[in-house]
Amino acid sequence: MTQRKKVLITGAAGFLGSHLCDRFIHEGFHVIAMDNLITGRMSNIEHLMPLEHFEFYRQDVSKFIHIPGELDYILHFASPASPIDYLKIPIQTLKVGSLGVHHCLGLAKEKGARILIASTSEVYGDPEVHPQKETYWGNVNPVGPRGVYDEAKRFQEAMTMAYHTYHGLETRIVRIFNTYGPRMRLNDGRALPAFIGQALRGEDLTVFGDGSQTRSFCFVDDLIEGIYRLLMSDYVHPVNLGNPDEITMLDFAKEIVALTQTSQKIVFKPLPADDPKQRRPDISLAKELLDWTPKVQRQDGLQRTYAYFKSLSSEELYHMEHKNFDQYIVK
């Protein structure tokens, strides 16, 4: 019998990490999951815990990590990924994008493993080029409130490329644009769970600014497919993955009102500092290299996501909205 290949997934109990665990189990891998549970939740992966070829370590990748035995792949997805998270724990966000990636790259070097790191469309900042291509260097405020996340990811990309060029490490970099789907946290601060959470609680939907800023939403299943294809490709430079179907925040809020069939109003609040005014991926490279394009239409993806939130118990919804960061705060 052929021995299963082993993959380490950091941030495995998070939104994207847990879906990656599902995919690699489905593909016949032995999955080693790692998460410190700052923003991840065990309920995202509890269905995998009884499996012979799944193991979980509660560990902070910003500290030394070691995996015994052989290791074929590493996917570094550990990081707070929404403003409400990284504004509460900014130092941890910077550490996981610097010390954390350094430890993962060092482990990959030790094991001779291929590593894929999760970067983000936030490396483009508030873009002056639209749509955003991988060749665009971005417009980031390094000392603004979002800088802790943006610069952590930019450093992470630089460190990864340094390991590739200096050590010959097999590396992959994915720049992820707005993604949604089941297992998001209602209180993670991103537009879709925020709108759905407000609708479920009977509150008015909050749109920042005048709602003219745009985002492009990709369903999680499409993103996971793109990540898997990128990992198995031979391309070492950053690749955008996202859905180019762009929509304004005001129109998106209206879609959520129609989806949830609620009677709440849409209210407006001031736009946060450095909030990107437009965001849309150019996915020409992913199409060419990976033969990848998103398949799930937003209407279908939203219905599946809303059905997930409606299926949760009141206790689960409470825990999703009351994450306690106090024990992690470094002052």
C-alpha atoms as a PDB file:
ATOM      1  CA  MET A   1       0.000   0.000   0.000  1.00  0.00           C
ATOM      2  CA  THR A   2       1.311   3.431  -0.931  1.00  0.00           C
ATOM      3  CA  GLN A   3       2.156   5.528   2.135  1.00  0.00           C
ATOM      4  CA  ARG A   4       0.031   8.647   2.501  1.00  0.00           C
ATOM      5  CA  LYS A   5       1.738  11.972   1.996  1.00  0.00           C
ATOM      6  CA  LYS A   6       1.752  14.231   5.062  1.00  0.00           C
ATOM      7  CA  VAL A   7       0.643  17.851   5.117  1.00  0.00           C
ATOM      8  CA  LEU A   8       0.868  20.350   7.988  1.00  0.00           C
ATOM      9  CA  ILE A   9      -1.857  22.998   7.970  1.00  0.00           C
ATOM     10  CA  THR A  10      -1.422  25.921  10.372  1.00  0.00           C
ATOM     11  CA  GLY A  11      -4.502  27.904  11.341  1.00  0.00           C
ATOM     12  CA  ALA A  12      -6.325  24.619  10.804  1.00  0.00           C
ATOM     13  CA  ALA A  13      -9.305  25.389  13.050  1.00  0.00           C
ATOM     14  CA  GLY A  14     -10.035  28.644  11.257  1.00  0.00           C
ATOM     15  CA  PHE A  15     -12.418  29.366   8.405  1.00  0.00           C
ATOM     16  CA  LEU A  16     -10.083  28.558   5.511  1.00  0.00           C
ATOM     17  CA  GLY A  17      -7.812  26.180   7.418  1.00  0.00           C
ATOM     18  CA  SER A  18     -10.662  23.841   8.320  1.00  0.00           C
ATOM     19  CA  HIS A  19     -11.856  23.665   4.720  1.00  0.00           C
ATOM     20  CA  LEU A  20      -8.294  22.875   3.665  1.00  0.00           C
ATOM     21  CA  CYS A  21      -8.214  20.036   6.208  1.00  0.00           C
ATOM     22  CA  ASP A  22     -11.377  18.619   4.639  1.00  0.00           C
ATOM     23  CA  ARG A  23      -9.907  18.846   1.144  1.00  0.00           C
ATOM     24  CA  PHE A  24      -6.619  17.151   1.988  1.00  0.00           C
ATOM     25  CA  ILE A  25      -8.357  14.348   3.903  1.00  0.00           C
ATOM     26  CA  HIS A  26     -10.546  13.871   0.832  1.00  0.00           C
ATOM     27  CA  GLU A  27      -7.438  13.737  -1.361  1.00  0.00           C
ATOM     28  CA  GLY A  28      -5.959  10.938   0.760  1.00  0.00           C
ATOM     29  CA  PHE A  29      -3.353  12.856   2.766  1.00  0.00           C
ATOM     30  CA  HIS A  30      -2.385  12.417   6.394  1.00  0.00           C
ATOM     31  CA  VAL A  31      -3.295  15.835   7.818  1.00  0.00           C
ATOM     32  CA  ILE A  32      -1.460  17.391  10.762  1.00  0.00           C
ATOM     33  CA  ALA A  33      -3.521  20.335  11.970  1.00  0.00           C
ATOM     34  CA  MET A  34      -2.099  23.116  14.129  1.00  0.00           C
ATOM     35  CA  ASP A  35      -3.885  26.076  15.715  1.00  0.00           C
ATOM     36  CA  ASN A  36      -3.613  28.108  18.920  1.00  0.00           C
ATOM     37  CA  LEU A  37      -7.385  28.777  18.807  1.00  0.00           C
ATOM     38  CA  ILE A  38      -7.120  32.568  19.124  1.00  0.00           C
ATOM     39  CA  THR A  39      -9.578  32.975  16.265  1.00  0.00           C
ATOM     40  CA  GLY A  40     -10.075  29.327  15.272  1.00  0.00           C
ATOM     41  CA  ARG A  41     -12.759  27.056  16.742  1.00  0.00           C
ATOM     42  CA  MET A  42     -12.543  23.337  17.467  1.00  0.00           C
ATOM     43  CA  SER A  43     -16.098  22.898  16.193  1.00  0.00           C
ATOM     44  CA  ASN A  44     -14.756  23.548  12.683  1.00  0.00           C
ATOM     45  CA  ILE A  45     -12.671  20.366  12.760  1.00  0.00           C
ATOM     46  CA  GLU A  46     -14.331  18.168  15.385  1.00  0.00           C
ATOM     47  CA  HIS A  47     -15.808  15.975  12.632  1.00  0.00           C
ATOM     48  CA  LEU A  48     -12.231  15.090  11.620  1.00  0.00           C
ATOM     49  CA  MET A  49     -10.895  14.241  15.082  1.00  0.00           C
ATOM     50  CA  PRO A  50     -11.903  10.530  15.066  1.00  0.00           C
ATOM     51  CA  LEU A  51     -10.154   9.904  11.742  1.00  0.00           C
ATOM     52  CA  GLU A  52      -7.000   7.793  11.704  1.00  0.00           C
ATOM     53  CA  HIS A  53      -5.215  10.144   9.329  1.00  0.00           C
ATOM     54  CA  PHE A  54      -5.979  13.403  11.132  1.00  0.00           C
ATOM     55  CA  GLU A  55      -4.127  14.760  14.152  1.00  0.00           C
ATOM     56  CA  PHE A  56      -4.378  18.101  15.934  1.00  0.00           C
ATOM     57  CA  TYR A  57      -1.838  20.131  17.902  1.00  0.00           C
ATOM     58  CA  ARG A  58      -2.837  23.199  19.882  1.00  0.00           C
ATOM     59  CA  GLN A  59       0.256  25.298  19.335  1.00  0.00           C
ATOM     60  CA  ASP A  60       1.326  28.862  18.513  1.00  0.00           C
ATOM     61  CA  VAL A  61       3.452  28.886  15.362  1.00  0.00           C
ATOM     62  CA  SER A  62       5.035  32.143  16.516  1.00  0.00           C
ATOM     63  CA  LYS A  63       6.967  29.894  18.900  1.00  0.00           C
ATOM     64  CA  PHE A  64       9.216  27.003  17.900  1.00  0.00           C
ATOM     65  CA  ILE A  65       7.399  24.207  16.070  1.00  0.00           C
ATOM     66  CA  HIS A  66       8.494  20.668  15.332  1.00  0.00           C
ATOM     67  CA  ILE A  67       6.792  17.762  13.597  1.00  0.00           C
ATOM     68  CA  PRO A  68       8.361  14.301  14.001  1.00  0.00           C
ATOM     69  CA  GLY A  69       8.980  12.166  10.951  1.00  0.00           C
ATOM     70  CA  GLU A  70       8.580  12.991   7.295  1.00  0.00           C
ATOM     71  CA  LEU A  71       6.570  15.921   6.004  1.00  0.00           C
ATOM     72  CA  ASP A  72       5.706  16.592   2.356  1.00  0.00           C
ATOM     73  CA  TYR A  73       3.743  19.856   2.395  1.00  0.00           C
ATOM     74  CA  ILE A  74       3.096  22.828   4.683  1.00  0.00           C
ATOM     75  CA  LEU A  75       0.255  25.320   4.271  1.00  0.00           C
ATOM     76  CA  HIS A  76       0.732  28.364   6.511  1.00  0.00           C
ATOM     77  CA  PHE A  77      -2.719  29.824   7.152  1.00  0.00           C
ATOM     78  CA  ALA A  78      -2.294  30.854  10.785  1.00  0.00           C
ATOM     79  CA  SER A  79      -3.182  34.534  11.221  1.00  0.00           C
ATOM     80  CA  PRO A  80      -6.011  36.798  12.296  1.00  0.00           C
ATOM     81  CA  ALA A  81      -7.646  37.762   9.011  1.00  0.00           C
ATOM     82  CA  SER A  82     -10.186  40.486   9.714  1.00  0.00           C
ATOM     83  CA  PRO A  83      -9.909  44.027  11.074  1.00  0.00           C
ATOM     84  CA  ILE A  84     -11.819  43.338  14.284  1.00  0.00           C
ATOM     85  CA  ASP A  85      -9.291  40.592  15.094  1.00  0.00           C
ATOM     86  CA  TYR A  86      -5.988  42.162  14.144  1.00  0.00           C
ATOM     87  CA  LEU A  87      -6.904  45.525  15.678  1.00  0.00           C
ATOM     88  CA  LYS A  88      -7.465  43.749  19.023  1.00  0.00           C
ATOM     89  CA  ILE A  89      -4.297  41.634  18.799  1.00  0.00           C
ATOM     90  CA  PRO A  90      -1.933  43.659  16.581  1.00  0.00           C
ATOM     91  CA  ILE A  91       1.335  42.353  18.014  1.00  0.00           C
ATOM     92  CA  GLN A  92       0.292  38.720  17.646  1.00  0.00           C
ATOM     93  CA  THR A  93      -0.728  39.481  14.057  1.00  0.00           C
ATOM     94  CA  LEU A  94       2.722  40.852  13.292  1.00  0.00           C
ATOM     95  CA  LYS A  95       4.417  37.938  15.044  1.00  0.00           C
ATOM     96  CA  VAL A  96       2.539  35.224  13.170  1.00  0.00           C
ATOM     97  CA  GLY A  97       3.433  36.906   9.868  1.00  0.00           C
ATOM     98  CA  SER A  98       7.112  37.171  10.799  1.00  0.00           C
ATOM     99  CA  LEU A  99       8.198  34.683  13.479  1.00  0.00           C
ATOM    100  CA  GLY A 100       5.442  32.278  12.461  1.00  0.00           C
ATOM    101  CA  VAL A 101       6.361  32.177   8.795  1.00  0.00           C
ATOM    102  CA  HIS A 102      10.060  31.961   9.714  1.00  0.00           C
ATOM    103  CA  HIS A 103       9.378  28.862  11.816  1.00  0.00           C
ATOM    104  CA  CYS A 104       7.271  27.275   9.078  1.00  0.00           C
ATOM    105  CA  LEU A 105       9.900  27.989   6.427  1.00  0.00           C
ATOM    106  CA  GLY A 106      12.602  26.578   8.689  1.00  0.00           C
ATOM    107  CA  LEU A 107      10.552  23.429   9.210  1.00  0.00           C
ATOM    108  CA  ALA A 108       9.995  23.115   5.454  1.00  0.00           C
ATOM    109  CA  LYS A 109      13.745  23.419   4.898  1.00  0.00           C
ATOM    110  CA  GLU A 110      14.473  20.779   7.546  1.00  0.00           C
ATOM    111  CA  LYS A 111      11.938  18.340   6.075  1.00  0.00           C
ATOM    112  CA  GLY A 112      12.482  19.114   2.395  1.00  0.00           C
ATOM    113  CA  ALA A 113       8.777  19.976   2.205  1.00  0.00           C
ATOM    114  CA  ARG A 114       6.993  22.260  -0.235  1.00  0.00           C
ATOM    115  CA  ILE A 115       5.342  25.214   1.519  1.00  0.00           C
ATOM    116  CA  LEU A 116       2.437  27.432   0.477  1.00  0.00           C
ATOM    117  CA  ILE A 117       1.818  30.631   2.411  1.00  0.00           C
ATOM    118  CA  ALA A 118      -1.470  32.499   2.589  1.00  0.00           C
ATOM    119  CA  SER A 119      -1.013  36.101   1.569  1.00  0.00           C
ATOM    120  CA  THR A 120      -3.829  38.519   0.883  1.00  0.00           C
ATOM    121  CA  SER A 121      -5.226  41.187  -1.390  1.00  0.00           C
ATOM    122  CA  GLU A 122      -4.456  43.551   1.499  1.00  0.00           C
ATOM    123  CA  VAL A 123      -0.865  43.711   0.242  1.00  0.00           C
ATOM    124  CA  TYR A 124      -2.311  46.034  -2.423  1.00  0.00           C
ATOM    125  CA  GLY A 125      -3.614  48.406   0.275  1.00  0.00           C
ATOM    126  CA  ASP A 126      -6.006  51.061  -1.026  1.00  0.00           C
ATOM    127  CA  PRO A 127      -5.120  50.341  -4.661  1.00  0.00           C
ATOM    128  CA  GLU A 128      -4.449  52.972  -7.282  1.00  0.00           C
ATOM    129  CA  VAL A 129      -4.540  50.282  -9.979  1.00  0.00           C
ATOM    130  CA  HIS A 130      -7.797  48.500 -10.820  1.00  0.00           C
ATOM    131  CA  PRO A 131      -8.258  45.584 -11.093  1.00  0.00           C
ATOM    132  CA  GLN A 132      -5.214  44.442  -9.148  1.00  0.00           C
ATOM    133  CA  LYS A 133      -2.581  42.354 -10.932  1.00  0.00           C
ATOM    134  CA  GLU A 134       0.218  40.475  -9.199  1.00  0.00           C
ATOM    135  CA  THR A 135       2.716  42.945 -10.703  1.00  0.00           C
ATOM    136  CA  TYR A 136       1.170  45.856  -8.771  1.00  0.00           C
ATOM    137  CA  TRP A 137       3.263  46.748  -5.703  1.00  0.00           C
ATOM    138  CA  GLY A 138       0.430  48.256  -3.707  1.00  0.00           C
ATOM    139  CA  ASN A 139      -0.460  51.411  -1.787  1.00  0.00           C
ATOM    140  CA  VAL A 140      -0.134  50.499   1.893  1.00  0.00           C
ATOM    141  CA  ASN A 141       0.067  52.788   4.917  1.00  0.00           C
ATOM    142  CA  PRO A 142       2.613  50.947   7.114  1.00  0.00           C
ATOM    143  CA  VAL A 143       1.721  52.893  10.269  1.00  0.00           C
ATOM    144  CA  GLY A 144      -2.044  53.003   9.796  1.00  0.00           C
ATOM    145  CA  PRO A 145      -4.452  50.794  11.773  1.00  0.00           C
ATOM    146  CA  ARG A 146      -4.457  48.103   9.055  1.00  0.00           C
ATOM    147  CA  GLY A 147      -0.687  48.169   8.690  1.00  0.00           C
ATOM    148  CA  VAL A 148      -0.149  45.416  11.252  1.00  0.00           C
ATOM    149  CA  TYR A 149      -1.885  42.951   8.944  1.00  0.00           C
ATOM    150  CA  ASP A 150      -0.848  44.388   5.576  1.00  0.00           C
ATOM    151  CA  GLU A 151       2.831  44.649   6.450  1.00  0.00           C
ATOM    152  CA  ALA A 152       2.891  41.259   8.182  1.00  0.00           C
ATOM    153  CA  LYS A 153       1.710  39.694   4.942  1.00  0.00           C
ATOM    154  CA  ARG A 154       4.112  41.718   2.805  1.00  0.00           C
ATOM    155  CA  PHE A 155       7.010  40.667   5.045  1.00  0.00           C
ATOM    156  CA  GLN A 156       5.782  37.082   4.872  1.00  0.00           C
ATOM    157  CA  GLU A 157       5.973  37.170   1.072  1.00  0.00           C
ATOM    158  CA  ALA A 158       9.483  38.646   1.167  1.00  0.00           C
ATOM    159  CA  MET A 159      10.702  36.028   3.663  1.00  0.00           C
ATOM    160  CA  THR A 160       9.201  33.234   1.586  1.00  0.00           C
ATOM    161  CA  MET A 161      10.882  34.414  -1.607  1.00  0.00           C
ATOM    162  CA  ALA A 162      14.181  34.778   0.276  1.00  0.00           C
ATOM    163  CA  TYR A 163      13.993  31.138   1.380  1.00  0.00           C
ATOM    164  CA  HIS A 164      13.226  30.150  -2.202  1.00  0.00           C
ATOM    165  CA  THR A 165      16.103  32.095  -3.761  1.00  0.00           C
ATOM    166  CA  TYR A 166      18.714  31.505  -1.029  1.00  0.00           C
ATOM    167  CA  HIS A 167      17.889  27.963   0.108  1.00  0.00           C
ATOM    168  CA  GLY A 168      16.185  26.643  -3.026  1.00  0.00           C
ATOM    169  CA  LEU A 169      13.050  25.859  -1.016  1.00  0.00           C
ATOM    170  CA  GLU A 170       9.919  24.912  -2.958  1.00  0.00           C
ATOM    171  CA  THR A 171       7.533  27.750  -2.144  1.00  0.00           C
ATOM    172  CA  ARG A 172       4.108  28.933  -3.305  1.00  0.00           C
ATOM    173  CA  ILE A 173       2.318  32.215  -2.496  1.00  0.00           C
ATOM    174  CA  VAL A 174      -1.430  32.762  -2.809  1.00  0.00           C
ATOM    175  CA  ARG A 175      -2.941  36.250  -2.580  1.00  0.00           C
ATOM    176  CA  ILE A 176      -6.460  35.678  -1.326  1.00  0.00           C
ATOM    177  CA  PHE A 177      -9.265  38.120  -2.107  1.00  0.00           C
ATOM    178  CA  ASN A 178     -12.496  38.381  -0.103  1.00  0.00           C
ATOM    179  CA  THR A 179     -13.749  34.863   0.575  1.00  0.00           C
ATOM    180  CA  TYR A 180     -16.957  33.739   2.273  1.00  0.00           C
ATOM    181  CA  GLY A 181     -18.813  30.592   3.200  1.00  0.00           C
ATOM    182  CA  PRO A 182     -19.736  28.287   6.079  1.00  0.00           C
ATOM    183  CA  ARG A 183     -17.564  28.429   9.235  1.00  0.00           C
ATOM    184  CA  MET A 184     -16.980  32.167   9.155  1.00  0.00           C
ATOM    185  CA  ARG A 185     -17.409  33.795  12.578  1.00  0.00           C
ATOM    186  CA  LEU A 186     -20.347  36.158  12.844  1.00  0.00           C
ATOM    187  CA  ASN A 187     -18.269  38.699  14.778  1.00  0.00           C
ATOM    188  CA  ASP A 188     -15.112  38.627  12.660  1.00  0.00           C
ATOM    189  CA  GLY A 189     -15.811  42.106  11.300  1.00  0.00           C
ATOM    190  CA  ARG A 190     -16.012  41.250   7.615  1.00  0.00           C
ATOM    191  CA  ALA A 191     -18.971  42.474   5.600  1.00  0.00           C
ATOM    192  CA  LEU A 192     -20.872  39.268   4.936  1.00  0.00           C
ATOM    193  CA  PRO A 193     -20.980  37.794   8.471  1.00  0.00           C
ATOM    194  CA  ALA A 194     -21.548  41.286   9.870  1.00  0.00           C
ATOM    195  CA  PHE A 195     -24.591  41.811   7.640  1.00  0.00           C
ATOM    196  CA  ILE A 196     -25.989  38.325   8.283  1.00  0.00           C
ATOM    197  CA  GLY A 197     -25.405  38.659  12.029  1.00  0.00           C
ATOM    198  CA  GLN A 198     -27.291  41.951  12.077  1.00  0.00           C
ATOM    199  CA  ALA A 199     -30.127  40.401  10.082  1.00  0.00           C
ATOM    200  CA  LEU A 200     -30.363  37.400  12.444  1.00  0.00           C
ATOM    201  CA  ARG A 201     -30.486  39.728  15.455  1.00  0.00           C
ATOM    202  CA  GLY A 202     -33.092  42.000  13.856  1.00  0.00           C
ATOM    203  CA  GLU A 203     -30.694  44.961  13.712  1.00  0.00           C
ATOM    204  CA  ASP A 204     -30.268  47.507  10.944  1.00  0.00           C
ATOM    205  CA  LEU A 205     -27.466  46.702   8.493  1.00  0.00           C
ATOM    206  CA  THR A 206     -24.427  48.985   8.836  1.00  0.00           C
ATOM    207  CA  VAL A 207     -22.738  50.273   5.693  1.00  0.00           C
ATOM    208  CA  PHE A 208     -19.580  52.350   6.073  1.00  0.00           C
ATOM    209  CA  GLY A 209     -19.087  55.530   4.053  1.00  0.00           C
ATOM    210  CA  ASP A 210     -21.633  55.989   1.289  1.00  0.00           C
ATOM    211  CA  GLY A 211     -21.435  52.324   0.308  1.00  0.00           C
ATOM    212  CA  SER A 212     -19.750  53.013  -3.021  1.00  0.00           C
ATOM    213  CA  GLN A 213     -16.598  51.093  -2.075  1.00  0.00           C
ATOM    214  CA  THR A 214     -16.368  47.744  -3.835  1.00  0.00           C
ATOM    215  CA  ARG A 215     -15.394  44.190  -2.986  1.00  0.00           C
ATOM    216  CA  SER A 216     -15.289  40.947  -4.957  1.00  0.00           C
ATOM    217  CA  PHE A 217     -16.546  37.876  -3.097  1.00  0.00           C
ATOM    218  CA  CYS A 218     -15.331  34.338  -3.768  1.00  0.00           C
ATOM    219  CA  PHE A 219     -17.069  31.260  -2.338  1.00  0.00           C
ATOM    220  CA  VAL A 220     -14.796  29.131  -0.175  1.00  0.00           C
ATOM    221  CA  ASP A 221     -15.094  25.962  -2.300  1.00  0.00           C
ATOM    222  CA  ASP A 222     -13.725  27.814  -5.328  1.00  0.00           C
ATOM    223  CA  LEU A 223     -10.835  29.246  -3.335  1.00  0.00           C
ATOM    224  CA  ILE A 224      -9.851  25.866  -1.866  1.00  0.00           C
ATOM    225  CA  GLU A 225      -9.765  24.378  -5.364  1.00  0.00           C
ATOM    226  CA  GLY A 226      -7.456  27.176  -6.525  1.00  0.00           C
ATOM    227  CA  ILE A 227      -5.159  26.756  -3.515  1.00  0.00           C
ATOM    228  CA  TYR A 228      -4.860  23.019  -4.128  1.00  0.00           C
ATOM    229  CA  ARG A 229      -4.008  23.574  -7.784  1.00  0.00           C
ATOM    230  CA  LEU A 230      -1.425  26.230  -6.911  1.00  0.00           C
ATOM    231  CA  LEU A 231       0.263  23.969  -4.358  1.00  0.00           C
ATOM    232  CA  MET A 232       0.582  21.239  -6.959  1.00  0.00           C
ATOM    233  CA  SER A 233       1.860  23.632  -9.643  1.00  0.00           C
ATOM    234  CA  ASP A 234       5.489  24.611 -10.251  1.00  0.00           C
ATOM    235  CA  TYR A 235       4.948  28.402 -10.006  1.00  0.00           C
ATOM    236  CA  VAL A 236       6.798  30.197  -7.196  1.00  0.00           C
ATOM    237  CA  HIS A 237       5.618  33.800  -7.506  1.00  0.00           C
ATOM    238  CA  PRO A 238       2.399  35.248  -6.010  1.00  0.00           C
ATOM    239  CA  VAL A 239      -0.912  34.306  -7.619  1.00  0.00           C
ATOM    240  CA  ASN A 240      -4.234  36.111  -7.099  1.00  0.00           C
ATOM    241  CA  LEU A 241      -7.215  33.931  -6.231  1.00  0.00           C
ATOM    242  CA  GLY A 242     -10.620  35.545  -6.001  1.00  0.00           C
ATOM    243  CA  ASN A 243     -13.829  36.196  -7.869  1.00  0.00           C
ATOM    244  CA  PRO A 244     -13.722  39.223 -10.219  1.00  0.00           C
ATOM    245  CA  ASP A 245     -17.494  39.748  -9.841  1.00  0.00           C
ATOM    246  CA  GLU A 246     -17.285  43.186  -8.206  1.00  0.00           C
ATOM    247  CA  ILE A 247     -20.119  44.759  -6.193  1.00  0.00           C
ATOM    248  CA  THR A 248     -20.563  47.916  -4.093  1.00  0.00           C
ATOM    249  CA  MET A 249     -21.086  47.507  -0.373  1.00  0.00           C
ATOM    250  CA  LEU A 250     -24.480  49.218  -0.600  1.00  0.00           C
ATOM    251  CA  ASP A 251     -25.693  46.803  -3.281  1.00  0.00           C
ATOM    252  CA  PHE A 252     -24.244  43.911  -1.290  1.00  0.00           C
ATOM    253  CA  ALA A 253     -26.186  44.993   1.807  1.00  0.00           C
ATOM    254  CA  LYS A 254     -29.342  45.092  -0.316  1.00  0.00           C
ATOM    255  CA  GLU A 255     -28.629  41.542  -1.482  1.00  0.00           C
ATOM    256  CA  ILE A 256     -28.373  40.380   2.138  1.00  0.00           C
ATOM    257  CA  VAL A 257     -31.677  42.075   3.009  1.00  0.00           C
ATOM    258  CA  ALA A 258     -33.316  40.251   0.094  1.00  0.00           C
ATOM    259  CA  LEU A 259     -31.635  36.962   1.044  1.00  0.00           C
ATOM    260  CA  THR A 260     -32.685  37.066   4.692  1.00  0.00           C
ATOM    261  CA  GLN A 261     -36.131  38.529   3.886  1.00  0.00           C
ATOM    262  CA  THR A 262     -35.812  40.962   6.759  1.00  0.00           C
ATOM    263  CA  SER A 263     -37.308  44.422   7.052  1.00  0.00           C
ATOM    264  CA  GLN A 264     -34.304  46.176   8.574  1.00  0.00           C
ATOM    265  CA  LYS A 265     -33.061  49.476   7.240  1.00  0.00           C
ATOM    266  CA  ILE A 266     -29.576  50.135   5.930  1.00  0.00           C
ATOM    267  CA  VAL A 267     -27.765  52.738   8.049  1.00  0.00           C
ATOM    268  CA  PHE A 268     -24.508  54.523   7.284  1.00  0.00           C
ATOM    269  CA  LYS A 269     -21.451  55.133   9.463  1.00  0.00           C
ATOM    270  CA  PRO A 270     -18.111  56.872   8.759  1.00  0.00           C
ATOM    271  CA  LEU A 271     -15.616  54.971   6.637  1.00  0.00           C
ATOM    272  CA  PRO A 272     -12.761  53.481   8.740  1.00  0.00           C
ATOM    273  CA  ALA A 273      -9.220  54.747   8.182  1.00  0.00           C
ATOM    274  CA  ASP A 274      -7.377  53.266   5.170  1.00  0.00           C
ATOM    275  CA  ASP A 275     -10.405  51.212   4.151  1.00  0.00           C
ATOM    276  CA  PRO A 276      -9.809  50.209   0.496  1.00  0.00           C
ATOM    277  CA  LYS A 277     -12.178  51.989  -1.880  1.00  0.00           C
ATOM    278  CA  GLN A 278     -12.081  49.236  -4.478  1.00  0.00           C
ATOM    279  CA  ARG A 279     -10.991  45.640  -4.612  1.00  0.00           C
ATOM    280  CA  ARG A 280     -11.136  43.311  -7.598  1.00  0.00           C
ATOM    281  CA  PRO A 281      -8.650  40.626  -8.593  1.00  0.00           C
ATOM    282  CA  ASP A 282      -7.146  40.222 -12.013  1.00  0.00           C
ATOM    283  CA  ILE A 283      -7.090  36.414 -12.226  1.00  0.00           C
ATOM    284  CA  SER A 284      -5.544  36.119 -15.697  1.00  0.00           C
ATOM    285  CA  LEU A 285      -2.495  34.398 -14.201  1.00  0.00           C
ATOM    286  CA  ALA A 286      -4.564  31.818 -12.309  1.00  0.00           C
ATOM    287  CA  LYS A 287      -6.561  31.077 -15.457  1.00  0.00           C
ATOM    288  CA  GLU A 288      -3.411  30.559 -17.489  1.00  0.00           C
ATOM    289  CA  LEU A 289      -1.306  28.659 -14.943  1.00  0.00           C
ATOM    290  CA  LEU A 290      -3.910  26.685 -13.033  1.00  0.00           C
ATOM    291  CA  ASP A 291      -6.841  26.520 -15.455  1.00  0.00           C
ATOM    292  CA  TRP A 292      -8.838  27.957 -12.559  1.00  0.00           C
ATOM    293  CA  THR A 293     -11.883  30.217 -12.491  1.00  0.00           C
ATOM    294  CA  PRO A 294     -14.578  30.551  -9.808  1.00  0.00           C
ATOM    295  CA  LYS A 295     -17.641  28.402 -10.472  1.00  0.00           C
ATOM    296  CA  VAL A 296     -20.081  29.281  -7.660  1.00  0.00           C
ATOM    297  CA  GLN A 297     -22.388  32.204  -8.382  1.00  0.00           C
ATOM    298  CA  ARG A 298     -22.763  34.697  -5.529  1.00  0.00           C
ATOM    299  CA  GLN A 299     -26.510  34.054  -5.176  1.00  0.00           C
ATOM    300  CA  ASP A 300     -25.919  30.336  -4.642  1.00  0.00           C
ATOM    301  CA  GLY A 301     -22.947  30.881  -2.333  1.00  0.00           C
ATOM    302  CA  LEU A 302     -24.883  33.353  -0.190  1.00  0.00           C
ATOM    303  CA  GLN A 303     -27.798  30.947   0.177  1.00  0.00           C
ATOM    304  CA  ARG A 304     -25.458  28.160   1.302  1.00  0.00           C
ATOM    305  CA  THR A 305     -23.718  30.483   3.762  1.00  0.00           C
ATOM    306  CA  TYR A 306     -26.979  31.798   5.206  1.00  0.00           C
ATOM    307  CA  ALA A 307     -28.289  28.237   5.583  1.00  0.00           C
ATOM    308  CA  TYR A 308     -25.162  27.404   7.606  1.00  0.00           C
ATOM    309  CA  PHE A 309     -25.689  30.271  10.036  1.00  0.00           C
ATOM    310  CA  LYS A 310     -29.386  29.467  10.403  1.00  0.00           C
ATOM    311  CA  SER A 311     -28.509  25.850  11.233  1.00  0.00           C
ATOM    312  CA  LEU A 312     -26.424  26.816  14.268  1.00  0.00           C
ATOM    313  CA  SER A 313     -27.820  26.618  17.767  1.00  0.00           C
ATOM    314  CA  SER A 314     -28.264  29.746  19.858  1.00  0.00           C
ATOM    315  CA  GLU A 315     -25.342  28.607  22.035  1.00  0.00           C
ATOM    316  CA  GLU A 316     -23.059  28.245  19.003  1.00  0.00           C
ATOM    317  CA  LEU A 317     -24.094  31.658  17.711  1.00  0.00           C
ATOM    318  CA  TYR A 318     -23.353  33.173  21.134  1.00  0.00           C
ATOM    319  CA  HIS A 319     -19.828  31.754  21.203  1.00  0.00           C
ATOM    320  CA  MET A 320     -19.229  32.961  17.643  1.00  0.00           C
ATOM    321  CA  GLU A 321     -20.068  36.500  18.740  1.00  0.00           C
ATOM    322  CA  HIS A 322     -18.201  36.571  22.078  1.00  0.00           C
ATOM    323  CA  LYS A 323     -14.616  35.597  21.397  1.00  0.00           C
ATOM    324  CA  ASN A 324     -12.405  36.600  24.348  1.00  0.00           C
ATOM    325  CA  PHE A 325      -9.033  38.002  23.288  1.00  0.00           C
ATOM    326  CA  ASP A 326      -8.000  39.226  26.753  1.00  0.00           C
ATOM    327  CA  GLN A 327      -5.646  36.316  27.450  1.00  0.00           C
ATOM    328  CA  TYR A 328      -3.713  37.005  24.221  1.00  0.00           C
ATOM    329  CA  ILE A 329      -3.290  40.761  24.435  1.00  0.00           C
ATOM    330  CA  VAL A 330       0.320  41.947  24.674  1.00  0.00           C
ATOM    331  CA  LYS A 331       0.511  45.477  26.060  1.00  0.00           C
END
